[in-house]
Amino acid sequence: MASVIRDNSQNPRIGCISSSKAPPCSSFIAVDLKFKGHVCTFATAGEAIPVGAVLRPSTVADKQVVQTLVADDITILGVAVEAAPSGNSVCMAIGGEFQVLVTGAITRGDLLSSSDTQGVAILTPGAPDQPGAFAIAMNSDANAAVKLVCARFVKAETY
């Protein structure tokens, strides 16, 4: 199986990873990684999930995600790129640009955090390091109703 990994100089490379007893590939191919859109991963939907829902780990089942109901939730894992019924695989944006469900008027550049409305984000006053802030709005929408807004994740920090 081919995989993108980083070499000792942190350059992206495509290499082989093998789960068999045969030795994996020993050569790498240099690549220049660029993409439009989002980076995603998959998880099992612990409930029906709509497009743009803000997702967190399930509290009742391992390896499942559900829509958050917690304001300023610090356990956000991603945002649903596609709708998924309960028990099916859901594609979660974990990087790049994506659409997220937001309530209230939003101006591009606003910080977003989860609200107490299931799966929906809201304007977050404050700095990007405010607990719960997970994204930045990329477009404006004066409509106060729940709608899809283009956003990008706030840069993650490791401590």
C-alpha atoms as a PDB file:
ATOM      1  CA  MET A   1       0.000   0.000   0.000  1.00  0.00           C
ATOM      2  CA  ALA A   2       1.381   3.441  -0.903  1.00  0.00           C
ATOM      3  CA  SER A   3       1.429   6.102   1.764  1.00  0.00           C
ATOM      4  CA  VAL A   4       2.577   9.705   2.041  1.00  0.00           C
ATOM      5  CA  ILE A   5       5.149  10.022   4.796  1.00  0.00           C
ATOM      6  CA  ARG A   6       7.900  12.486   5.709  1.00  0.00           C
ATOM      7  CA  ASP A   7      11.602  11.730   5.513  1.00  0.00           C
ATOM      8  CA  ASN A   8      14.196  12.857   8.083  1.00  0.00           C
ATOM      9  CA  SER A   9      14.253  16.346   6.535  1.00  0.00           C
ATOM     10  CA  GLN A  10      10.424  16.558   6.762  1.00  0.00           C
ATOM     11  CA  ASN A  11      10.022  16.364   2.968  1.00  0.00           C
ATOM     12  CA  PRO A  12       6.842  14.604   1.803  1.00  0.00           C
ATOM     13  CA  ARG A  13       7.538  11.253   0.128  1.00  0.00           C
ATOM     14  CA  ILE A  14       5.419   8.424  -1.214  1.00  0.00           C
ATOM     15  CA  GLY A  15       6.504   5.084   0.141  1.00  0.00           C
ATOM     16  CA  CYS A  16       5.165   1.610   0.705  1.00  0.00           C
ATOM     17  CA  ILE A  17       3.861   0.202   3.944  1.00  0.00           C
ATOM     18  CA  SER A  18       3.281  -3.504   4.213  1.00  0.00           C
ATOM     19  CA  SER A  19       1.383  -5.475   6.834  1.00  0.00           C
ATOM     20  CA  SER A  20       2.760  -8.767   5.522  1.00  0.00           C
ATOM     21  CA  LYS A  21       6.055 -10.376   6.541  1.00  0.00           C
ATOM     22  CA  ALA A  22       7.604  -9.285   3.243  1.00  0.00           C
ATOM     23  CA  PRO A  23       9.845  -6.230   3.633  1.00  0.00           C
ATOM     24  CA  PRO A  24       8.191  -2.937   2.636  1.00  0.00           C
ATOM     25  CA  CYS A  25       9.440  -0.872  -0.284  1.00  0.00           C
ATOM     26  CA  SER A  26      12.752   0.761   0.423  1.00  0.00           C
ATOM     27  CA  SER A  27      12.531   3.566  -2.131  1.00  0.00           C
ATOM     28  CA  PHE A  28      10.633   6.839  -2.005  1.00  0.00           C
ATOM     29  CA  ILE A  29       9.223   9.139  -4.652  1.00  0.00           C
ATOM     30  CA  ALA A  30       9.509  12.898  -4.026  1.00  0.00           C
ATOM     31  CA  VAL A  31       6.179  14.762  -4.215  1.00  0.00           C
ATOM     32  CA  ASP A  32       4.962  18.317  -3.942  1.00  0.00           C
ATOM     33  CA  LEU A  33       1.642  18.089  -2.081  1.00  0.00           C
ATOM     34  CA  LYS A  34      -0.993  20.679  -2.948  1.00  0.00           C
ATOM     35  CA  PHE A  35      -4.724  20.327  -2.685  1.00  0.00           C
ATOM     36  CA  LYS A  36      -7.955  22.275  -2.936  1.00  0.00           C
ATOM     37  CA  GLY A  37     -10.823  21.598  -0.616  1.00  0.00           C
ATOM     38  CA  HIS A  38     -10.465  19.583   2.560  1.00  0.00           C
ATOM     39  CA  VAL A  39      -8.512  16.760   4.125  1.00  0.00           C
ATOM     40  CA  CYS A  40     -10.808  14.126   5.560  1.00  0.00           C
ATOM     41  CA  THR A  41     -10.882  10.947   7.577  1.00  0.00           C
ATOM     42  CA  PHE A  42     -13.671   8.467   8.220  1.00  0.00           C
ATOM     43  CA  ALA A  43     -15.512   7.334  11.348  1.00  0.00           C
ATOM     44  CA  THR A  44     -18.741   5.485  12.106  1.00  0.00           C
ATOM     45  CA  ALA A  45     -21.795   7.700  12.541  1.00  0.00           C
ATOM     46  CA  GLY A  46     -23.359   7.100  15.973  1.00  0.00           C
ATOM     47  CA  GLU A  47     -26.546   8.813  14.736  1.00  0.00           C
ATOM     48  CA  ALA A  48     -27.883  10.297  11.492  1.00  0.00           C
ATOM     49  CA  ILE A  49     -25.505  13.117  10.553  1.00  0.00           C
ATOM     50  CA  PRO A  50     -26.264  15.958   8.099  1.00  0.00           C
ATOM     51  CA  VAL A  51     -23.758  17.746   5.845  1.00  0.00           C
ATOM     52  CA  GLY A  52     -21.838  20.419   7.774  1.00  0.00           C
ATOM     53  CA  ALA A  53     -22.511  19.005  11.253  1.00  0.00           C
ATOM     54  CA  VAL A  54     -19.874  19.669  13.925  1.00  0.00           C
ATOM     55  CA  LEU A  55     -18.739  16.273  15.225  1.00  0.00           C
ATOM     56  CA  ARG A  56     -17.360  14.983  18.515  1.00  0.00           C
ATOM     57  CA  PRO A  57     -16.616  11.484  19.899  1.00  0.00           C
ATOM     58  CA  SER A  58     -19.620   9.455  21.016  1.00  0.00           C
ATOM     59  CA  THR A  59     -19.947   9.021  24.773  1.00  0.00           C
ATOM     60  CA  VAL A  60     -21.759   5.675  24.404  1.00  0.00           C
ATOM     61  CA  ALA A  61     -19.775   3.716  21.791  1.00  0.00           C
ATOM     62  CA  ASP A  62     -16.116   3.377  20.831  1.00  0.00           C
ATOM     63  CA  LYS A  63     -14.899   4.728  17.468  1.00  0.00           C
ATOM     64  CA  GLN A  64     -18.152   6.545  16.700  1.00  0.00           C
ATOM     65  CA  VAL A  65     -18.873  10.232  16.183  1.00  0.00           C
ATOM     66  CA  VAL A  66     -22.015  12.233  16.938  1.00  0.00           C
ATOM     67  CA  GLN A  67     -23.122  15.841  16.519  1.00  0.00           C
ATOM     68  CA  THR A  68     -22.035  17.997  19.412  1.00  0.00           C
ATOM     69  CA  LEU A  69     -24.634  19.522  21.742  1.00  0.00           C
ATOM     70  CA  VAL A  70     -22.028  21.295  23.873  1.00  0.00           C
ATOM     71  CA  ALA A  71     -21.296  25.023  23.571  1.00  0.00           C
ATOM     72  CA  ASP A  72     -17.548  25.719  23.160  1.00  0.00           C
ATOM     73  CA  ASP A  73     -16.856  21.966  22.942  1.00  0.00           C
ATOM     74  CA  ILE A  74     -13.090  21.324  23.072  1.00  0.00           C
ATOM     75  CA  THR A  75     -13.450  17.743  21.800  1.00  0.00           C
ATOM     76  CA  ILE A  76     -14.420  18.628  18.196  1.00  0.00           C
ATOM     77  CA  LEU A  77     -12.998  16.010  15.809  1.00  0.00           C
ATOM     78  CA  GLY A  78     -14.179  17.396  12.484  1.00  0.00           C
ATOM     79  CA  VAL A  79     -17.089  18.499  10.320  1.00  0.00           C
ATOM     80  CA  ALA A  80     -19.277  16.173   8.235  1.00  0.00           C
ATOM     81  CA  VAL A  81     -18.529  16.529   4.518  1.00  0.00           C
ATOM     82  CA  GLU A  82     -21.428  14.262   3.548  1.00  0.00           C
ATOM     83  CA  ALA A  83     -24.645  13.163   5.207  1.00  0.00           C
ATOM     84  CA  ALA A  84     -24.531   9.704   6.784  1.00  0.00           C
ATOM     85  CA  PRO A  85     -27.167   7.485   8.396  1.00  0.00           C
ATOM     86  CA  SER A  86     -26.472   6.003  11.816  1.00  0.00           C
ATOM     87  CA  GLY A  87     -24.039   3.073  11.661  1.00  0.00           C
ATOM     88  CA  ASN A  88     -22.559   4.081   8.297  1.00  0.00           C
ATOM     89  CA  SER A  89     -19.180   5.635   7.590  1.00  0.00           C
ATOM     90  CA  VAL A  90     -19.082   9.434   7.671  1.00  0.00           C
ATOM     91  CA  CYS A  91     -16.397  11.535   5.941  1.00  0.00           C
ATOM     92  CA  MET A  92     -15.127  14.216   8.366  1.00  0.00           C
ATOM     93  CA  ALA A  93     -13.143  17.251   7.235  1.00  0.00           C
ATOM     94  CA  ILE A  94     -10.126  17.589   9.535  1.00  0.00           C
ATOM     95  CA  GLY A  95      -8.217  20.183   7.533  1.00  0.00           C
ATOM     96  CA  GLY A  96      -8.548  22.629   4.684  1.00  0.00           C
ATOM     97  CA  GLU A  97     -11.757  24.348   3.584  1.00  0.00           C
ATOM     98  CA  PHE A  98     -15.212  22.903   4.269  1.00  0.00           C
ATOM     99  CA  GLN A  99     -18.850  23.880   4.797  1.00  0.00           C
ATOM    100  CA  VAL A 100     -20.173  23.981   8.354  1.00  0.00           C
ATOM    101  CA  LEU A 101     -23.645  24.548   9.776  1.00  0.00           C
ATOM    102  CA  VAL A 102     -23.741  27.958  11.499  1.00  0.00           C
ATOM    103  CA  THR A 103     -26.503  29.902  13.240  1.00  0.00           C
ATOM    104  CA  GLY A 104     -26.571  33.701  13.483  1.00  0.00           C
ATOM    105  CA  ALA A 105     -25.090  36.414  11.291  1.00  0.00           C
ATOM    106  CA  ILE A 106     -21.462  35.704  10.317  1.00  0.00           C
ATOM    107  CA  THR A 107     -18.752  37.910   8.817  1.00  0.00           C
ATOM    108  CA  ARG A 108     -15.740  36.430   7.027  1.00  0.00           C
ATOM    109  CA  GLY A 109     -12.890  36.186   9.512  1.00  0.00           C
ATOM    110  CA  ASP A 110     -15.193  35.434  12.456  1.00  0.00           C
ATOM    111  CA  LEU A 111     -14.128  32.622  14.765  1.00  0.00           C
ATOM    112  CA  LEU A 112     -16.546  29.711  15.094  1.00  0.00           C
ATOM    113  CA  SER A 113     -17.166  27.361  18.008  1.00  0.00           C
ATOM    114  CA  SER A 114     -19.830  24.772  18.710  1.00  0.00           C
ATOM    115  CA  SER A 115     -23.198  25.888  20.051  1.00  0.00           C
ATOM    116  CA  ASP A 116     -25.736  24.071  22.229  1.00  0.00           C
ATOM    117  CA  THR A 117     -27.796  23.443  19.071  1.00  0.00           C
ATOM    118  CA  GLN A 118     -27.087  19.922  17.790  1.00  0.00           C
ATOM    119  CA  GLY A 119     -24.244  19.899  15.239  1.00  0.00           C
ATOM    120  CA  VAL A 120     -24.305  23.673  14.713  1.00  0.00           C
ATOM    121  CA  ALA A 121     -21.518  26.255  15.132  1.00  0.00           C
ATOM    122  CA  ILE A 122     -21.869  29.858  16.275  1.00  0.00           C
ATOM    123  CA  LEU A 123     -19.811  33.069  16.310  1.00  0.00           C
ATOM    124  CA  THR A 124     -17.095  32.984  18.991  1.00  0.00           C
ATOM    125  CA  PRO A 125     -15.997  36.332  20.385  1.00  0.00           C
ATOM    126  CA  GLY A 126     -12.346  36.379  21.351  1.00  0.00           C
ATOM    127  CA  ALA A 127      -8.930  35.209  20.227  1.00  0.00           C
ATOM    128  CA  PRO A 128      -8.166  32.103  18.108  1.00  0.00           C
ATOM    129  CA  ASP A 129      -6.801  30.357  21.204  1.00  0.00           C
ATOM    130  CA  GLN A 130     -10.138  30.696  23.027  1.00  0.00           C
ATOM    131  CA  PRO A 131     -11.257  27.245  24.217  1.00  0.00           C
ATOM    132  CA  GLY A 132     -13.765  25.799  21.773  1.00  0.00           C
ATOM    133  CA  ALA A 133     -12.816  27.945  18.748  1.00  0.00           C
ATOM    134  CA  PHE A 134     -12.225  25.467  15.915  1.00  0.00           C
ATOM    135  CA  ALA A 135     -12.714  27.352  12.632  1.00  0.00           C
ATOM    136  CA  ILE A 136     -12.663  30.712  10.853  1.00  0.00           C
ATOM    137  CA  ALA A 137     -15.537  31.766   8.568  1.00  0.00           C
ATOM    138  CA  MET A 138     -14.438  32.388   4.974  1.00  0.00           C
ATOM    139  CA  ASN A 139     -17.611  34.142   3.812  1.00  0.00           C
ATOM    140  CA  SER A 140     -20.234  36.466   5.255  1.00  0.00           C
ATOM    141  CA  ASP A 141     -23.944  35.759   5.663  1.00  0.00           C
ATOM    142  CA  ALA A 142     -26.323  38.162   7.452  1.00  0.00           C
ATOM    143  CA  ASN A 143     -29.091  35.539   7.661  1.00  0.00           C
ATOM    144  CA  ALA A 144     -29.665  34.572  11.315  1.00  0.00           C
ATOM    145  CA  ALA A 145     -31.070  31.114  10.452  1.00  0.00           C
ATOM    146  CA  VAL A 146     -28.991  27.924  10.378  1.00  0.00           C
ATOM    147  CA  LYS A 147     -27.085  27.748   7.072  1.00  0.00           C
ATOM    148  CA  LEU A 148     -23.920  26.291   5.537  1.00  0.00           C
ATOM    149  CA  VAL A 149     -20.909  28.636   5.701  1.00  0.00           C
ATOM    150  CA  CYS A 150     -17.509  28.096   4.109  1.00  0.00           C
ATOM    151  CA  ALA A 151     -14.805  27.849   6.807  1.00  0.00           C
ATOM    152  CA  ARG A 152     -11.235  26.705   7.541  1.00  0.00           C
ATOM    153  CA  PHE A 153      -9.934  25.057  10.692  1.00  0.00           C
ATOM    154  CA  VAL A 154      -8.001  27.206  13.153  1.00  0.00           C
ATOM    155  CA  LYS A 155      -4.356  26.111  13.174  1.00  0.00           C
ATOM    156  CA  ALA A 156      -3.926  23.324  15.728  1.00  0.00           C
ATOM    157  CA  GLU A 157      -1.211  23.770  18.338  1.00  0.00           C
ATOM    158  CA  THR A 158       0.644  21.012  20.139  1.00  0.00           C
ATOM    159  CA  TYR A 159       1.750  21.596  23.705  1.00  0.00           C
END
